[in-house]
Protein backbone atom coordinates (compact mmCIF):
# COMPACT_ATOMS: atom_id res chain seq x y z
CA UNK A 1 0.12 0.13 -0.17
CA UNK A 2 3.23 2.44 0.19
CA UNK A 3 3.08 2.60 -3.39
CA UNK A 4 -0.74 3.49 -3.11
CA UNK A 5 -1.63 7.29 -5.29
CA UNK A 6 -2.60 9.84 -3.09
CA UNK A 7 -6.27 10.46 -2.91
CA UNK A 8 -7.98 13.75 -4.05
CA UNK A 9 -11.36 13.83 -3.30
CA UNK A 10 -14.08 15.20 -5.68
CA UNK A 11 -16.33 17.23 -2.85
CA UNK A 12 -19.91 17.75 -4.29
CA UNK A 13 -21.88 19.86 -1.85
CA UNK A 14 -25.52 20.01 -2.67
CA UNK A 15 -27.22 23.07 -2.79
CA UNK A 16 -29.41 22.47 -0.20
CA UNK A 17 -26.45 22.41 2.02
CA UNK A 18 -24.29 25.26 1.08
CA UNK A 19 -26.00 27.74 3.85
CA UNK A 20 -24.75 25.14 6.43
CA UNK A 21 -26.67 24.65 9.92
CA UNK A 22 -25.48 26.94 12.92
CA UNK A 23 -25.10 25.02 15.87
CA UNK A 24 -24.33 27.08 19.56
CA UNK A 25 -22.73 23.52 21.03
CA UNK A 26 -22.35 19.73 19.82
CA UNK A 27 -22.43 16.72 22.34
CA UNK A 28 -20.13 13.57 21.28
CA UNK A 29 -20.61 10.18 22.15
CA UNK A 30 -19.92 6.96 20.88
CA UNK A 31 -20.68 3.10 20.56
CA UNK A 32 -17.80 0.49 19.99
CA UNK A 33 -18.06 1.17 16.25
CA UNK A 34 -19.13 4.67 15.77
CA UNK A 35 -18.63 7.88 16.85
CA UNK A 36 -21.67 10.43 16.78
CA UNK A 37 -21.83 14.06 17.16
CA UNK A 38 -24.92 16.18 17.43
CA UNK A 39 -25.04 19.63 16.87
CA UNK A 40 -27.68 21.86 18.53
CA UNK A 41 -28.95 25.17 18.86
CA UNK A 42 -30.48 26.84 21.51
CA UNK A 43 -34.53 26.58 21.33
CA UNK A 44 -35.38 29.02 24.28
CA UNK A 45 -33.72 30.53 27.05
CA UNK A 46 -32.11 28.80 29.82
CA UNK A 47 -34.32 28.50 32.75
CA UNK A 48 -34.22 27.60 36.54
CA UNK A 49 -35.73 24.71 37.90
CA UNK A 50 -36.35 22.90 41.26
CA UNK A 51 -36.13 19.38 41.95
CA UNK A 52 -39.30 19.20 43.97
CA UNK A 53 -38.27 15.86 45.67
CA UNK A 54 -34.48 17.22 46.52
CA UNK A 55 -35.04 20.66 46.27
CA UNK A 56 -31.47 20.88 44.40
CA UNK A 57 -31.55 23.75 41.74
CA UNK A 58 -30.22 23.28 38.33
CA UNK A 59 -30.34 25.03 34.75
CA UNK A 60 -32.39 23.47 31.99
CA UNK A 61 -31.41 24.39 28.41
CA UNK A 62 -33.69 23.77 25.86
CA UNK A 63 -32.17 22.68 22.58
CA UNK A 64 -32.88 20.90 19.18
CA UNK A 65 -30.22 18.90 17.16
CA UNK A 66 -29.70 20.94 13.62
CA UNK A 67 -27.21 17.86 12.59
CA UNK A 68 -26.02 14.31 13.58
CA UNK A 69 -22.75 13.10 12.14
CA UNK A 70 -21.71 9.44 12.74
CA UNK A 71 -18.22 8.99 11.87
CA UNK A 72 -16.11 5.50 12.23
CA UNK A 73 -13.55 5.91 15.33
CA UNK A 74 -10.46 5.57 12.61
CA UNK A 75 -11.58 9.12 11.39
CA UNK A 76 -12.19 10.86 14.81
CA UNK A 77 -7.83 11.21 14.65
CA UNK A 78 -8.20 13.07 11.62
CA UNK A 79 -10.92 15.27 12.90
CA UNK A 80 -9.21 15.88 15.57
CA UNK A 81 -5.93 17.09 13.93
CA UNK A 82 -7.79 18.91 11.30
CA UNK A 83 -10.13 21.10 13.81
CA UNK A 84 -6.77 21.63 15.89
CA UNK A 85 -4.69 22.69 12.67
CA UNK A 86 -7.65 25.32 11.74
CA UNK A 87 -8.37 26.47 14.99
CA UNK A 88 -4.32 27.38 15.18
CA UNK A 89 -5.03 29.29 11.94
CA UNK A 90 -7.96 30.96 13.30
CA UNK A 91 -5.97 32.14 16.49
CA UNK A 92 -3.50 33.28 13.98
CA UNK A 93 -5.56 35.46 11.69
CA UNK A 94 -7.88 37.13 14.58
CA UNK A 95 -5.60 37.17 17.58
CA UNK A 96 -8.25 35.59 19.49
CA UNK A 97 -8.25 32.38 22.17
CA UNK A 98 -10.78 31.09 24.11
CA UNK A 99 -14.37 33.04 24.62
CA UNK A 100 -14.47 35.15 27.52
CA UNK A 101 -17.80 33.92 28.47
CA UNK A 102 -18.45 30.63 27.43
CA UNK A 103 -22.59 29.56 26.57
CA UNK A 104 -22.52 26.83 28.56
CA UNK A 105 -20.40 25.96 31.65
CA UNK A 106 -19.69 22.08 31.78
């Protein structure tokens, strides 16, 4: 396989996907054979809620999945490298680092 010619992807972007989908945050989970990334957007403002049994307070953040992406575990490494590289380019271009006020404290 070392003599295999390099791959050049010819990517087709359907017109209905050109605008993309805005997401406020992502939730990532996995099974033994696939990683799943759910991209979510806020559906309503966060609201405080008190558990009637324990009295414990917590914040409910209503969100809607705008896109679900499934990738094989082998591709997670490539995705992580690409995200790191693009984040470094973005930081160099904008001079910015982490957001000052994250949307959600996790």
